[in-house]
Amino acid sequence: MQAATGPGIDDRGWTEWIATNLLRGCSTDSMLQGMVRAGLGADPALAAIQRVADDPIFTAALRARRRHQKLLSVVGNMQSVWAADPRYAEIPRHQAIDAADFLARYVHAFRPAVLTGHARAWPALRNWRLDRLAARFGEELIEVQDGRNDDPRFEENSVAHKRPMRFGEFLAYAERTAWDNNAYLTANNGLLRQARFAGLLDDVGELPPLADRAALASAAHLWIGPAGTKTPLHHDTCMLFHTQIVGSKRWRLVSPLEWERMYNHNHVFSPVDLDAPDHQRYPDIAATRVLEAVIHPGETLFLPLGWWHQVCALEPSVSISYTGLTIPNRFEYVDPAMP
């Protein structure tokens, strides 16, 4: 049951609190005890609970809640069958795979995979080393996320953390820093769509199956940061490939069918930290099956649609993600946050 707070029994907040806890299945007695502890009289508190329970608007909400629970039971049962596979926690690795096989086994089956062969010969593995990028573009101004250490919701507030910096200065920070999440060049920097950096895409060689070369310039994103840079738990709204160029990253992944355990109350974000889960605050996370893969230079992770993921750079890191596919890759997700 949620904590009871509010100034008075007729306050709108109390009505919402009562309705929320009734929808969660809380008993009248437990709610009444909470309201009395908050300083409300027992009789008016009980009358308020009854008033909400008898309201036809609440009846409609309860019916919608039951339909929501049915949907959760459907996807929960699907996840149980899926996870019963003894190899469920393994993320397959392929040196080579043809497009038809990849489409059937990973895209249509919603399964992650690591591709190890196609990017091994990319010129980027040589040309995107931090010292070479600094020599080539060091005086250019870029936009990074900065001040992330002081904001636990830094990714949700990413726009507020944008700061201009000389590329060479940022690359020196990324190379010399032992372990830090304070500054990161992330996907929303738009660097690869700027004419002065367009030549970087010439260093991208063979693409994985179903990746669209014609869409690379408009759908590729560069990531650079020191060891310790972190992308918090969230899901994307499309499928993507993520190729590691310098250093290694650890990916932790959770099936989209486990959405209810992600405490997703805002857009695509979860407050859960899979590296150090708070089981007292987020108890449902204890039942979640977490998959893990470390992606090394020249390797590519395929992230299927809707999979939750949390990423951490284990070393100074350069990587590129791209979402342009030869199949439809635009999807709509309802924001769970109240308007």
C-alpha atoms as a PDB file:
ATOM      1  CA  MET A   1       0.000   0.000   0.000  1.00  0.00           C
ATOM      2  CA  GLN A   2       1.241   3.473  -0.830  1.00  0.00           C
ATOM      3  CA  ALA A   3       1.996   5.809   2.081  1.00  0.00           C
ATOM      4  CA  ALA A   4      -0.970   7.917   3.124  1.00  0.00           C
ATOM      5  CA  THR A   5      -0.400  11.655   2.923  1.00  0.00           C
ATOM      6  CA  GLY A   6      -2.626  14.689   2.421  1.00  0.00           C
ATOM      7  CA  PRO A   7      -4.110  17.652   4.197  1.00  0.00           C
ATOM      8  CA  GLY A   8      -7.751  16.618   4.607  1.00  0.00           C
ATOM      9  CA  ILE A   9     -10.268  13.879   3.941  1.00  0.00           C
ATOM     10  CA  ASP A  10     -12.031  15.854   1.184  1.00  0.00           C
ATOM     11  CA  ASP A  11      -8.775  16.639  -0.562  1.00  0.00           C
ATOM     12  CA  ARG A  12      -8.579  15.369  -4.153  1.00  0.00           C
ATOM     13  CA  GLY A  13      -5.267  13.723  -3.330  1.00  0.00           C
ATOM     14  CA  TRP A  14      -6.960  11.480  -0.758  1.00  0.00           C
ATOM     15  CA  THR A  15      -9.545  10.374  -3.315  1.00  0.00           C
ATOM     16  CA  GLU A  16      -6.783   9.421  -5.741  1.00  0.00           C
ATOM     17  CA  TRP A  17      -4.861   7.674  -2.950  1.00  0.00           C
ATOM     18  CA  ILE A  18      -7.901   5.618  -1.978  1.00  0.00           C
ATOM     19  CA  ALA A  19      -8.680   4.701  -5.589  1.00  0.00           C
ATOM     20  CA  THR A  20      -5.069   3.738  -6.296  1.00  0.00           C
ATOM     21  CA  ASN A  21      -4.867   1.441  -3.296  1.00  0.00           C
ATOM     22  CA  LEU A  22      -8.266  -0.118  -3.966  1.00  0.00           C
ATOM     23  CA  LEU A  23      -7.114  -0.873  -7.517  1.00  0.00           C
ATOM     24  CA  ARG A  24      -4.020  -2.512  -6.046  1.00  0.00           C
ATOM     25  CA  GLY A  25      -6.233  -4.816  -4.011  1.00  0.00           C
ATOM     26  CA  CYS A  26      -5.506  -3.321  -0.591  1.00  0.00           C
ATOM     27  CA  SER A  27      -8.029  -4.162   2.109  1.00  0.00           C
ATOM     28  CA  THR A  28     -10.296  -1.559   3.687  1.00  0.00           C
ATOM     29  CA  ASP A  29      -8.743  -2.293   7.096  1.00  0.00           C
ATOM     30  CA  SER A  30      -5.168  -1.683   5.936  1.00  0.00           C
ATOM     31  CA  MET A  31      -6.152   1.562   4.229  1.00  0.00           C
ATOM     32  CA  LEU A  32      -8.124   2.706   7.230  1.00  0.00           C
ATOM     33  CA  GLN A  33      -5.140   2.101   9.516  1.00  0.00           C
ATOM     34  CA  GLY A  34      -2.914   4.176   7.238  1.00  0.00           C
ATOM     35  CA  MET A  35      -5.379   7.042   7.123  1.00  0.00           C
ATOM     36  CA  VAL A  36      -5.811   7.047  10.892  1.00  0.00           C
ATOM     37  CA  ARG A  37      -2.028   7.066  11.347  1.00  0.00           C
ATOM     38  CA  ALA A  38      -1.983  10.131   9.080  1.00  0.00           C
ATOM     39  CA  GLY A  39      -4.293  11.914  11.517  1.00  0.00           C
ATOM     40  CA  LEU A  40      -7.720  11.351   9.937  1.00  0.00           C
ATOM     41  CA  GLY A  41     -10.766  10.275  11.911  1.00  0.00           C
ATOM     42  CA  ALA A  42     -11.771   6.631  11.525  1.00  0.00           C
ATOM     43  CA  ASP A  43     -15.416   7.292  10.642  1.00  0.00           C
ATOM     44  CA  PRO A  44     -14.852   9.943   7.946  1.00  0.00           C
ATOM     45  CA  ALA A  45     -11.942   7.880   6.562  1.00  0.00           C
ATOM     46  CA  LEU A  46     -14.152   4.793   6.275  1.00  0.00           C
ATOM     47  CA  ALA A  47     -16.896   6.870   4.658  1.00  0.00           C
ATOM     48  CA  ALA A  48     -14.392   8.230   2.121  1.00  0.00           C
ATOM     49  CA  ILE A  49     -13.220   4.727   1.220  1.00  0.00           C
ATOM     50  CA  GLN A  50     -16.811   3.594   0.736  1.00  0.00           C
ATOM     51  CA  ARG A  51     -17.645   6.667  -1.326  1.00  0.00           C
ATOM     52  CA  VAL A  52     -14.800   5.938  -3.749  1.00  0.00           C
ATOM     53  CA  ALA A  53     -15.617   2.223  -3.935  1.00  0.00           C
ATOM     54  CA  ASP A  54     -19.279   2.997  -4.802  1.00  0.00           C
ATOM     55  CA  ASP A  55     -18.451   5.605  -7.451  1.00  0.00           C
ATOM     56  CA  PRO A  56     -19.280   4.389 -11.011  1.00  0.00           C
ATOM     57  CA  ILE A  57     -16.088   6.049 -12.235  1.00  0.00           C
ATOM     58  CA  PHE A  58     -14.136   3.747  -9.927  1.00  0.00           C
ATOM     59  CA  THR A  59     -16.120   0.767 -11.241  1.00  0.00           C
ATOM     60  CA  ALA A  60     -14.992   1.682 -14.769  1.00  0.00           C
ATOM     61  CA  ALA A  61     -11.396   2.026 -13.543  1.00  0.00           C
ATOM     62  CA  LEU A  62     -11.622  -1.369 -11.850  1.00  0.00           C
ATOM     63  CA  ARG A  63     -12.859  -2.966 -15.063  1.00  0.00           C
ATOM     64  CA  ALA A  64      -9.931  -1.408 -16.957  1.00  0.00           C
ATOM     65  CA  ARG A  65      -7.562  -2.630 -14.246  1.00  0.00           C
ATOM     66  CA  ARG A  66      -8.852  -6.203 -14.653  1.00  0.00           C
ATOM     67  CA  ARG A  67      -8.247  -6.038 -18.398  1.00  0.00           C
ATOM     68  CA  HIS A  68      -4.751  -4.706 -17.728  1.00  0.00           C
ATOM     69  CA  GLN A  69      -4.110  -7.607 -15.353  1.00  0.00           C
ATOM     70  CA  LYS A  70      -5.291 -10.071 -17.990  1.00  0.00           C
ATOM     71  CA  LEU A  71      -2.792  -8.611 -20.446  1.00  0.00           C
ATOM     72  CA  LEU A  72      -0.043  -8.880 -17.822  1.00  0.00           C
ATOM     73  CA  SER A  73      -0.956 -12.522 -17.225  1.00  0.00           C
ATOM     74  CA  VAL A  74      -0.729 -13.226 -20.969  1.00  0.00           C
ATOM     75  CA  VAL A  75       2.737 -11.694 -21.362  1.00  0.00           C
ATOM     76  CA  GLY A  76       3.839 -13.201 -18.041  1.00  0.00           C
ATOM     77  CA  ASN A  77       2.915 -16.671 -19.235  1.00  0.00           C
ATOM     78  CA  MET A  78       4.692 -16.042 -22.525  1.00  0.00           C
ATOM     79  CA  GLN A  79       7.814 -14.982 -20.614  1.00  0.00           C
ATOM     80  CA  SER A  80       7.615 -18.117 -18.420  1.00  0.00           C
ATOM     81  CA  VAL A  81       7.566 -20.372 -21.482  1.00  0.00           C
ATOM     82  CA  TRP A  82      10.310 -18.341 -23.159  1.00  0.00           C
ATOM     83  CA  ALA A  83      12.558 -18.415 -20.074  1.00  0.00           C
ATOM     84  CA  ALA A  84      12.013 -22.172 -19.587  1.00  0.00           C
ATOM     85  CA  ASP A  85      14.454 -22.731 -22.449  1.00  0.00           C
ATOM     86  CA  PRO A  86      17.693 -23.941 -20.755  1.00  0.00           C
ATOM     87  CA  ARG A  87      19.641 -21.652 -23.087  1.00  0.00           C
ATOM     88  CA  TYR A  88      17.467 -18.591 -22.476  1.00  0.00           C
ATOM     89  CA  ALA A  89      20.198 -16.679 -20.633  1.00  0.00           C
ATOM     90  CA  GLU A  90      22.750 -17.272 -23.390  1.00  0.00           C
ATOM     91  CA  ILE A  91      23.171 -14.526 -25.960  1.00  0.00           C
ATOM     92  CA  PRO A  92      24.302 -16.338 -29.131  1.00  0.00           C
ATOM     93  CA  ARG A  93      27.427 -15.167 -30.932  1.00  0.00           C
ATOM     94  CA  HIS A  94      27.845 -15.497 -34.701  1.00  0.00           C
ATOM     95  CA  GLN A  95      30.873 -14.822 -36.835  1.00  0.00           C
ATOM     96  CA  ALA A  96      28.611 -14.874 -39.892  1.00  0.00           C
ATOM     97  CA  ILE A  97      24.866 -15.296 -40.440  1.00  0.00           C
ATOM     98  CA  ASP A  98      22.758 -14.705 -43.540  1.00  0.00           C
ATOM     99  CA  ALA A  99      19.916 -12.218 -43.630  1.00  0.00           C
ATOM    100  CA  ALA A 100      17.078 -14.773 -43.793  1.00  0.00           C
ATOM    101  CA  ASP A 101      18.410 -16.730 -40.821  1.00  0.00           C
ATOM    102  CA  PHE A 102      19.045 -13.544 -38.839  1.00  0.00           C
ATOM    103  CA  LEU A 103      15.525 -12.270 -39.576  1.00  0.00           C
ATOM    104  CA  ALA A 104      13.889 -15.504 -38.422  1.00  0.00           C
ATOM    105  CA  ARG A 105      16.049 -16.260 -35.373  1.00  0.00           C
ATOM    106  CA  TYR A 106      16.523 -12.788 -33.918  1.00  0.00           C
ATOM    107  CA  VAL A 107      14.292 -10.100 -35.435  1.00  0.00           C
ATOM    108  CA  HIS A 108      11.033 -12.054 -35.594  1.00  0.00           C
ATOM    109  CA  ALA A 109      11.879 -14.042 -32.457  1.00  0.00           C
ATOM    110  CA  PHE A 110      12.767 -10.900 -30.450  1.00  0.00           C
ATOM    111  CA  ARG A 111      16.119 -12.322 -29.331  1.00  0.00           C
ATOM    112  CA  PRO A 112      19.436 -10.464 -28.841  1.00  0.00           C
ATOM    113  CA  ALA A 113      22.588 -11.663 -30.582  1.00  0.00           C
ATOM    114  CA  VAL A 114      26.260 -10.736 -30.851  1.00  0.00           C
ATOM    115  CA  LEU A 115      27.801 -10.594 -34.327  1.00  0.00           C
ATOM    116  CA  THR A 116      31.566 -10.988 -34.279  1.00  0.00           C
ATOM    117  CA  GLY A 117      32.697 -11.108 -37.901  1.00  0.00           C
ATOM    118  CA  HIS A 118      31.528  -8.263 -40.120  1.00  0.00           C
ATOM    119  CA  ALA A 119      33.193  -5.292 -38.338  1.00  0.00           C
ATOM    120  CA  ARG A 120      36.613  -6.852 -37.712  1.00  0.00           C
ATOM    121  CA  ALA A 121      38.094  -5.136 -40.776  1.00  0.00           C
ATOM    122  CA  TRP A 122      36.492  -1.719 -40.315  1.00  0.00           C
ATOM    123  CA  PRO A 123      39.038   1.122 -40.754  1.00  0.00           C
ATOM    124  CA  ALA A 124      37.308   2.693 -37.728  1.00  0.00           C
ATOM    125  CA  LEU A 125      39.060   0.189 -35.446  1.00  0.00           C
ATOM    126  CA  ARG A 126      42.315   1.957 -36.337  1.00  0.00           C
ATOM    127  CA  ASN A 127      41.166   5.475 -37.158  1.00  0.00           C
ATOM    128  CA  TRP A 128      38.829   6.050 -34.209  1.00  0.00           C
ATOM    129  CA  ARG A 129      41.383   5.492 -31.486  1.00  0.00           C
ATOM    130  CA  LEU A 130      41.247   8.414 -29.098  1.00  0.00           C
ATOM    131  CA  ASP A 131      44.652   9.810 -30.050  1.00  0.00           C
ATOM    132  CA  ARG A 132      43.845   9.708 -33.762  1.00  0.00           C
ATOM    133  CA  LEU A 133      40.482  11.379 -33.286  1.00  0.00           C
ATOM    134  CA  ALA A 134      42.197  14.096 -31.235  1.00  0.00           C
ATOM    135  CA  ALA A 135      44.811  14.687 -33.927  1.00  0.00           C
ATOM    136  CA  ARG A 136      42.134  14.905 -36.602  1.00  0.00           C
ATOM    137  CA  PHE A 137      39.330  16.806 -34.861  1.00  0.00           C
ATOM    138  CA  GLY A 138      40.802  18.093 -31.594  1.00  0.00           C
ATOM    139  CA  GLU A 139      39.935  21.768 -32.151  1.00  0.00           C
ATOM    140  CA  GLU A 140      36.330  21.115 -33.163  1.00  0.00           C
ATOM    141  CA  LEU A 141      33.535  22.031 -30.759  1.00  0.00           C
ATOM    142  CA  ILE A 142      31.246  19.175 -29.787  1.00  0.00           C
ATOM    143  CA  GLU A 143      28.311  18.809 -27.412  1.00  0.00           C
ATOM    144  CA  VAL A 144      28.559  16.420 -24.478  1.00  0.00           C
ATOM    145  CA  GLN A 145      26.404  15.521 -21.498  1.00  0.00           C
ATOM    146  CA  ASP A 146      28.154  16.970 -18.455  1.00  0.00           C
ATOM    147  CA  GLY A 147      27.405  17.106 -14.719  1.00  0.00           C
ATOM    148  CA  ARG A 148      25.755  13.681 -14.724  1.00  0.00           C
ATOM    149  CA  ASN A 149      27.217  12.657 -11.351  1.00  0.00           C
ATOM    150  CA  ASP A 150      25.062  15.221  -9.539  1.00  0.00           C
ATOM    151  CA  ASP A 151      21.767  14.135 -11.106  1.00  0.00           C
ATOM    152  CA  PRO A 152      20.363  10.643 -10.474  1.00  0.00           C
ATOM    153  CA  ARG A 153      18.018  11.160 -13.442  1.00  0.00           C
ATOM    154  CA  PHE A 154      20.728  12.435 -15.787  1.00  0.00           C
ATOM    155  CA  GLU A 155      19.467  10.556 -18.827  1.00  0.00           C
ATOM    156  CA  GLU A 156      15.890  11.732 -18.443  1.00  0.00           C
ATOM    157  CA  ASN A 157      17.260  15.273 -18.016  1.00  0.00           C
ATOM    158  CA  SER A 158      19.841  14.922 -20.772  1.00  0.00           C
ATOM    159  CA  VAL A 159      18.957  18.204 -22.496  1.00  0.00           C
ATOM    160  CA  ALA A 160      19.768  20.146 -19.320  1.00  0.00           C
ATOM    161  CA  HIS A 161      23.239  18.553 -19.245  1.00  0.00           C
ATOM    162  CA  LYS A 162      24.332  19.586 -22.731  1.00  0.00           C
ATOM    163  CA  ARG A 163      27.598  21.526 -22.758  1.00  0.00           C
ATOM    164  CA  PRO A 164      29.974  22.585 -25.568  1.00  0.00           C
ATOM    165  CA  MET A 165      33.563  21.348 -25.313  1.00  0.00           C
ATOM    166  CA  ARG A 166      36.601  21.048 -27.532  1.00  0.00           C
ATOM    167  CA  PHE A 167      36.755  17.510 -28.891  1.00  0.00           C
ATOM    168  CA  GLY A 168      40.427  17.194 -27.969  1.00  0.00           C
ATOM    169  CA  GLU A 169      39.742  18.260 -24.379  1.00  0.00           C
ATOM    170  CA  PHE A 170      36.951  15.706 -24.047  1.00  0.00           C
ATOM    171  CA  LEU A 171      39.040  12.902 -25.572  1.00  0.00           C
ATOM    172  CA  ALA A 172      41.887  13.646 -23.122  1.00  0.00           C
ATOM    173  CA  TYR A 173      39.386  13.433 -20.242  1.00  0.00           C
ATOM    174  CA  ALA A 174      38.037  10.116 -21.551  1.00  0.00           C
ATOM    175  CA  GLU A 175      41.512   8.614 -21.871  1.00  0.00           C
ATOM    176  CA  ARG A 176      42.980   9.716 -18.527  1.00  0.00           C
ATOM    177  CA  THR A 177      39.933   9.170 -16.291  1.00  0.00           C
ATOM    178  CA  ALA A 178      40.029   5.969 -14.264  1.00  0.00           C
ATOM    179  CA  TRP A 179      36.269   5.526 -13.661  1.00  0.00           C
ATOM    180  CA  ASP A 180      33.660   8.252 -14.042  1.00  0.00           C
ATOM    181  CA  ASN A 181      30.149   8.858 -15.373  1.00  0.00           C
ATOM    182  CA  ASN A 182      30.206  12.653 -15.256  1.00  0.00           C
ATOM    183  CA  ALA A 183      30.676  13.462 -18.949  1.00  0.00           C
ATOM    184  CA  TYR A 184      29.663  11.378 -21.956  1.00  0.00           C
ATOM    185  CA  LEU A 185      29.269  11.906 -25.698  1.00  0.00           C
ATOM    186  CA  THR A 186      25.947  10.139 -26.255  1.00  0.00           C
ATOM    187  CA  ALA A 187      23.588   9.347 -29.119  1.00  0.00           C
ATOM    188  CA  ASN A 188      21.762  12.681 -28.984  1.00  0.00           C
ATOM    189  CA  ASN A 189      24.890  14.694 -29.851  1.00  0.00           C
ATOM    190  CA  GLY A 190      24.148  14.516 -33.603  1.00  0.00           C
ATOM    191  CA  LEU A 191      27.875  14.625 -34.325  1.00  0.00           C
ATOM    192  CA  LEU A 192      27.759  12.228 -37.301  1.00  0.00           C
ATOM    193  CA  ARG A 193      25.211  14.442 -39.033  1.00  0.00           C
ATOM    194  CA  GLN A 194      27.556  17.437 -39.046  1.00  0.00           C
ATOM    195  CA  ALA A 195      29.476  18.043 -42.281  1.00  0.00           C
ATOM    196  CA  ARG A 196      32.809  18.493 -40.494  1.00  0.00           C
ATOM    197  CA  PHE A 197      32.582  14.932 -39.104  1.00  0.00           C
ATOM    198  CA  ALA A 198      30.945  13.286 -42.126  1.00  0.00           C
ATOM    199  CA  GLY A 199      34.223  11.605 -43.111  1.00  0.00           C
ATOM    200  CA  LEU A 200      34.051   9.387 -40.067  1.00  0.00           C
ATOM    201  CA  LEU A 201      31.399   7.239 -41.742  1.00  0.00           C
ATOM    202  CA  ASP A 202      33.895   6.400 -44.492  1.00  0.00           C
ATOM    203  CA  ASP A 203      35.611   4.262 -41.844  1.00  0.00           C
ATOM    204  CA  VAL A 204      32.511   2.075 -41.412  1.00  0.00           C
ATOM    205  CA  GLY A 205      32.897  -1.102 -43.445  1.00  0.00           C
ATOM    206  CA  GLU A 206      30.649  -4.120 -43.919  1.00  0.00           C
ATOM    207  CA  LEU A 207      27.337  -3.797 -42.101  1.00  0.00           C
ATOM    208  CA  PRO A 208      25.436  -6.646 -40.426  1.00  0.00           C
ATOM    209  CA  PRO A 209      22.455  -8.372 -42.054  1.00  0.00           C
ATOM    210  CA  LEU A 210      19.432  -6.099 -42.631  1.00  0.00           C
ATOM    211  CA  ALA A 211      21.385  -2.895 -41.860  1.00  0.00           C
ATOM    212  CA  ASP A 212      20.720  -0.278 -44.547  1.00  0.00           C
ATOM    213  CA  ARG A 213      23.861   1.439 -45.834  1.00  0.00           C
ATOM    214  CA  ALA A 214      21.772   4.188 -47.445  1.00  0.00           C
ATOM    215  CA  ALA A 215      20.355   5.137 -44.034  1.00  0.00           C
ATOM    216  CA  LEU A 216      23.667   5.157 -42.188  1.00  0.00           C
ATOM    217  CA  ALA A 217      24.277   8.911 -42.397  1.00  0.00           C
ATOM    218  CA  SER A 218      20.853   9.716 -40.942  1.00  0.00           C
ATOM    219  CA  ALA A 219      20.549   6.863 -38.441  1.00  0.00           C
ATOM    220  CA  ALA A 220      24.002   6.406 -36.890  1.00  0.00           C
ATOM    221  CA  HIS A 221      25.062   7.712 -33.469  1.00  0.00           C
ATOM    222  CA  LEU A 222      28.528   8.031 -31.950  1.00  0.00           C
ATOM    223  CA  TRP A 223      29.255   7.229 -28.286  1.00  0.00           C
ATOM    224  CA  ILE A 224      32.522   8.174 -26.543  1.00  0.00           C
ATOM    225  CA  GLY A 225      33.369   8.202 -22.857  1.00  0.00           C
ATOM    226  CA  PRO A 226      35.798   7.060 -20.149  1.00  0.00           C
ATOM    227  CA  ALA A 227      35.594   3.812 -18.228  1.00  0.00           C
ATOM    228  CA  GLY A 228      32.586   3.991 -15.933  1.00  0.00           C
ATOM    229  CA  THR A 229      30.248   5.884 -18.250  1.00  0.00           C
ATOM    230  CA  LYS A 230      26.807   4.417 -17.913  1.00  0.00           C
ATOM    231  CA  THR A 231      23.518   4.339 -19.759  1.00  0.00           C
ATOM    232  CA  PRO A 232      20.743   3.722 -17.200  1.00  0.00           C
ATOM    233  CA  LEU A 233      18.026   1.115 -17.596  1.00  0.00           C
ATOM    234  CA  HIS A 234      15.571   1.922 -20.395  1.00  0.00           C
ATOM    235  CA  HIS A 235      14.151   0.527 -23.612  1.00  0.00           C
ATOM    236  CA  ASP A 236      14.395   2.010 -27.085  1.00  0.00           C
ATOM    237  CA  THR A 237      11.472   2.440 -29.452  1.00  0.00           C
ATOM    238  CA  CYS A 238      13.144   0.678 -32.382  1.00  0.00           C
ATOM    239  CA  MET A 239      15.637  -2.099 -33.109  1.00  0.00           C
ATOM    240  CA  LEU A 240      19.322  -1.252 -33.375  1.00  0.00           C
ATOM    241  CA  PHE A 241      22.861  -2.495 -33.881  1.00  0.00           C
ATOM    242  CA  HIS A 242      25.627  -1.282 -31.574  1.00  0.00           C
ATOM    243  CA  THR A 243      29.207  -1.840 -32.748  1.00  0.00           C
ATOM    244  CA  GLN A 244      32.097  -1.479 -30.337  1.00  0.00           C
ATOM    245  CA  ILE A 245      35.164   0.272 -31.802  1.00  0.00           C
ATOM    246  CA  VAL A 246      37.485   1.024 -28.833  1.00  0.00           C
ATOM    247  CA  GLY A 247      37.329  -0.601 -25.385  1.00  0.00           C
ATOM    248  CA  SER A 248      34.598  -2.904 -24.076  1.00  0.00           C
ATOM    249  CA  LYS A 249      31.079  -2.414 -22.735  1.00  0.00           C
ATOM    250  CA  ARG A 250      28.969  -4.591 -20.480  1.00  0.00           C
ATOM    251  CA  TRP A 251      25.322  -4.869 -21.483  1.00  0.00           C
ATOM    252  CA  ARG A 252      22.623  -6.090 -19.113  1.00  0.00           C
ATOM    253  CA  LEU A 253      19.341  -6.956 -20.832  1.00  0.00           C
ATOM    254  CA  VAL A 254      15.790  -7.748 -19.702  1.00  0.00           C
ATOM    255  CA  SER A 255      12.942  -9.061 -21.850  1.00  0.00           C
ATOM    256  CA  PRO A 256      10.196  -6.585 -22.816  1.00  0.00           C
ATOM    257  CA  LEU A 257       7.690  -9.128 -21.466  1.00  0.00           C
ATOM    258  CA  GLU A 258       8.961  -8.314 -17.967  1.00  0.00           C
ATOM    259  CA  TRP A 259       7.774  -4.708 -18.271  1.00  0.00           C
ATOM    260  CA  GLU A 260       5.679  -4.817 -15.085  1.00  0.00           C
ATOM    261  CA  ARG A 261       8.826  -5.502 -13.027  1.00  0.00           C
ATOM    262  CA  MET A 262      10.678  -2.510 -14.456  1.00  0.00           C
ATOM    263  CA  TYR A 263       8.727   0.166 -12.513  1.00  0.00           C
ATOM    264  CA  ASN A 264       8.349   2.091 -15.754  1.00  0.00           C
ATOM    265  CA  HIS A 265       6.320   5.202 -14.861  1.00  0.00           C
ATOM    266  CA  ASN A 266       7.928   7.676 -17.255  1.00  0.00           C
ATOM    267  CA  HIS A 267       8.387   7.331 -21.021  1.00  0.00           C
ATOM    268  CA  VAL A 268      11.006   4.581 -21.644  1.00  0.00           C
ATOM    269  CA  PHE A 269      12.912   4.825 -18.355  1.00  0.00           C
ATOM    270  CA  SER A 270      13.199   2.591 -15.304  1.00  0.00           C
ATOM    271  CA  PRO A 271      14.542   3.787 -11.922  1.00  0.00           C
ATOM    272  CA  VAL A 272      16.036   0.340 -11.271  1.00  0.00           C
ATOM    273  CA  ASP A 273      19.819  -0.029 -11.285  1.00  0.00           C
ATOM    274  CA  LEU A 274      20.623  -3.575 -12.420  1.00  0.00           C
ATOM    275  CA  ASP A 275      24.210  -3.166 -11.191  1.00  0.00           C
ATOM    276  CA  ALA A 276      23.020  -2.554  -7.613  1.00  0.00           C
ATOM    277  CA  PRO A 277      19.277  -3.262  -7.380  1.00  0.00           C
ATOM    278  CA  ASP A 278      17.401  -1.866  -4.402  1.00  0.00           C
ATOM    279  CA  HIS A 279      15.224  -4.878  -3.563  1.00  0.00           C
ATOM    280  CA  GLN A 280      13.479  -3.086  -0.722  1.00  0.00           C
ATOM    281  CA  ARG A 281      12.289  -0.237  -2.922  1.00  0.00           C
ATOM    282  CA  TYR A 282      11.820  -2.321  -6.085  1.00  0.00           C
ATOM    283  CA  PRO A 283      11.061  -5.850  -4.831  1.00  0.00           C
ATOM    284  CA  ASP A 284       9.724  -7.193  -8.145  1.00  0.00           C
ATOM    285  CA  ILE A 285      13.156  -6.856  -9.737  1.00  0.00           C
ATOM    286  CA  ALA A 286      14.348  -9.887  -7.735  1.00  0.00           C
ATOM    287  CA  ALA A 287      12.278 -12.172  -9.988  1.00  0.00           C
ATOM    288  CA  THR A 288      13.653 -10.682 -13.215  1.00  0.00           C
ATOM    289  CA  ARG A 289      15.878 -12.724 -15.533  1.00  0.00           C
ATOM    290  CA  VAL A 290      18.840 -10.555 -16.528  1.00  0.00           C
ATOM    291  CA  LEU A 291      20.959 -11.462 -19.546  1.00  0.00           C
ATOM    292  CA  GLU A 292      24.509 -10.171 -19.830  1.00  0.00           C
ATOM    293  CA  ALA A 293      27.108  -9.743 -22.572  1.00  0.00           C
ATOM    294  CA  VAL A 294      30.443  -7.948 -22.787  1.00  0.00           C
ATOM    295  CA  ILE A 295      30.979  -6.488 -26.258  1.00  0.00           C
ATOM    296  CA  HIS A 296      34.584  -6.082 -27.435  1.00  0.00           C
ATOM    297  CA  PRO A 297      36.109  -4.051 -30.300  1.00  0.00           C
ATOM    298  CA  GLY A 298      34.874  -5.294 -33.663  1.00  0.00           C
ATOM    299  CA  GLU A 299      31.771  -6.932 -32.163  1.00  0.00           C
ATOM    300  CA  THR A 300      28.169  -5.847 -32.648  1.00  0.00           C
ATOM    301  CA  LEU A 301      25.173  -6.354 -30.387  1.00  0.00           C
ATOM    302  CA  PHE A 302      21.755  -6.659 -32.000  1.00  0.00           C
ATOM    303  CA  LEU A 303      19.168  -5.160 -29.644  1.00  0.00           C
ATOM    304  CA  PRO A 304      15.682  -6.471 -30.475  1.00  0.00           C
ATOM    305  CA  LEU A 305      12.590  -4.334 -30.175  1.00  0.00           C
ATOM    306  CA  GLY A 306      11.627  -3.278 -26.673  1.00  0.00           C
ATOM    307  CA  TRP A 307      14.391  -5.019 -24.720  1.00  0.00           C
ATOM    308  CA  TRP A 308      15.377  -3.194 -21.532  1.00  0.00           C
ATOM    309  CA  HIS A 309      19.098  -2.546 -21.313  1.00  0.00           C
ATOM    310  CA  GLN A 310      21.678  -0.950 -19.048  1.00  0.00           C
ATOM    311  CA  VAL A 311      25.183  -0.363 -20.382  1.00  0.00           C
ATOM    312  CA  CYS A 312      28.520   0.390 -18.724  1.00  0.00           C
ATOM    313  CA  ALA A 313      31.879   1.132 -20.365  1.00  0.00           C
ATOM    314  CA  LEU A 314      34.566  -1.069 -18.807  1.00  0.00           C
ATOM    315  CA  GLU A 315      37.375   0.905 -20.491  1.00  0.00           C
ATOM    316  CA  PRO A 316      37.680   4.189 -22.389  1.00  0.00           C
ATOM    317  CA  SER A 317      35.139   3.506 -25.088  1.00  0.00           C
ATOM    318  CA  VAL A 318      34.164   4.459 -28.631  1.00  0.00           C
ATOM    319  CA  SER A 319      31.149   2.829 -30.245  1.00  0.00           C
ATOM    320  CA  ILE A 320      28.554   3.468 -32.905  1.00  0.00           C
ATOM    321  CA  SER A 321      24.871   2.541 -32.954  1.00  0.00           C
ATOM    322  CA  TYR A 322      22.648   2.547 -36.023  1.00  0.00           C
ATOM    323  CA  THR A 323      18.923   2.083 -36.418  1.00  0.00           C
ATOM    324  CA  GLY A 324      18.473   2.176 -40.200  1.00  0.00           C
ATOM    325  CA  LEU A 325      17.257  -1.267 -41.297  1.00  0.00           C
ATOM    326  CA  THR A 326      15.990  -2.663 -44.593  1.00  0.00           C
ATOM    327  CA  ILE A 327      12.779  -3.670 -42.801  1.00  0.00           C
ATOM    328  CA  PRO A 328      10.241  -1.397 -41.013  1.00  0.00           C
ATOM    329  CA  ASN A 329      11.737  -0.050 -37.790  1.00  0.00           C
ATOM    330  CA  ARG A 330       9.354   2.628 -36.536  1.00  0.00           C
ATOM    331  CA  PHE A 331       7.079   1.763 -33.612  1.00  0.00           C
ATOM    332  CA  GLU A 332       4.821   3.636 -31.205  1.00  0.00           C
ATOM    333  CA  TYR A 333       4.890   3.291 -27.410  1.00  0.00           C
ATOM    334  CA  VAL A 334       2.413   4.847 -25.008  1.00  0.00           C
ATOM    335  CA  ASP A 335       4.042   6.977 -22.311  1.00  0.00           C
ATOM    336  CA  PRO A 336       2.913   5.508 -18.951  1.00  0.00           C
ATOM    337  CA  ALA A 337       3.266   8.887 -17.248  1.00  0.00           C
ATOM    338  CA  MET A 338       0.103  10.842 -16.494  1.00  0.00           C
ATOM    339  CA  PRO A 339      -0.343  13.871 -18.755  1.00  0.00           C
END
